[in-house]
C-alpha cells in the first residue's frame, strides 16, 4: 500500500544554499569593491572563516569594467581598515547576478532603479546601502532567527523580509540621505571619506546579519 500524501512521511526541504549579498555601483572599481571587501572583512571578524562562509559577498557594476582591477585609492582605503583587496576583478552586472542574489545593496537610488528594472522579482531584496542601514536600525534583533541555532543564512533572509516590510514606513529624510557618491578620479582624501561613510553604514548591517556586535 502507498502511504497517504503528507502523513507519516518526513518531507525534506531543499537546501537554499548560502545567502548571497551583491553590492552594485557604476564601474565596479571604487564603491562596490570597497563595500564588498569591507563586508567580507567584517563578517570574518565576527564569525570566523567557517561560519562566514554561509554569507557570500560579491559585487558588480551597471557599467562594470569587466576584468579591471579596483582603483589604487580603493585598495589603500581597504588597507586602512585591514581588509583584503587582493584578487579583485571588476564585473559587469548581469541578469544571473541579480537572480542569484538574496540581497542587493546599491551605492545610489539610480543603481537601485537599474537593478529593479532588470526584473527577476528584485524589488523586495534591492535597497541602497544607506536605505538598508536605516531600515535595519528599526528592526528588533530579538525578532530574528538565532544565527547559531537557526543558521546565519536563515537570519539573513528574515532580516531582508523585515526590512522590505518597513520600507514604506521609514522614508529618507532627504534626497541625499541614501546616496554614496562616486570617488572615481578624486584624491585619496575623498576616497577615505567615502570609505568611512561605507564602513559606518555597514556596521549595523553586519551586526544584524550575524547577531554579533563589532568587537570592542
Foldseek 3Di string as FASTA:
>chain_A
DDDDPPPPDDDDDDDLAAAEEEEEEAAQQAQRLLLQQLLLVQLCQFPNPPQSVSYHYYYAYCNYPFFDAHDPLRCVLCVVVVTDRPPDGYHHDDPVSQLSHLAYEYQAPVRQVVSVVSPNPNNLRYAHLLLLLVLLVPDDLVVFDACVPPNLRRRQNVSSNSSSVCNVPDDDPDRCRRHQDDCVPHDSVVSNVSSVVSSVSCQSVSCSSNVGHRDD
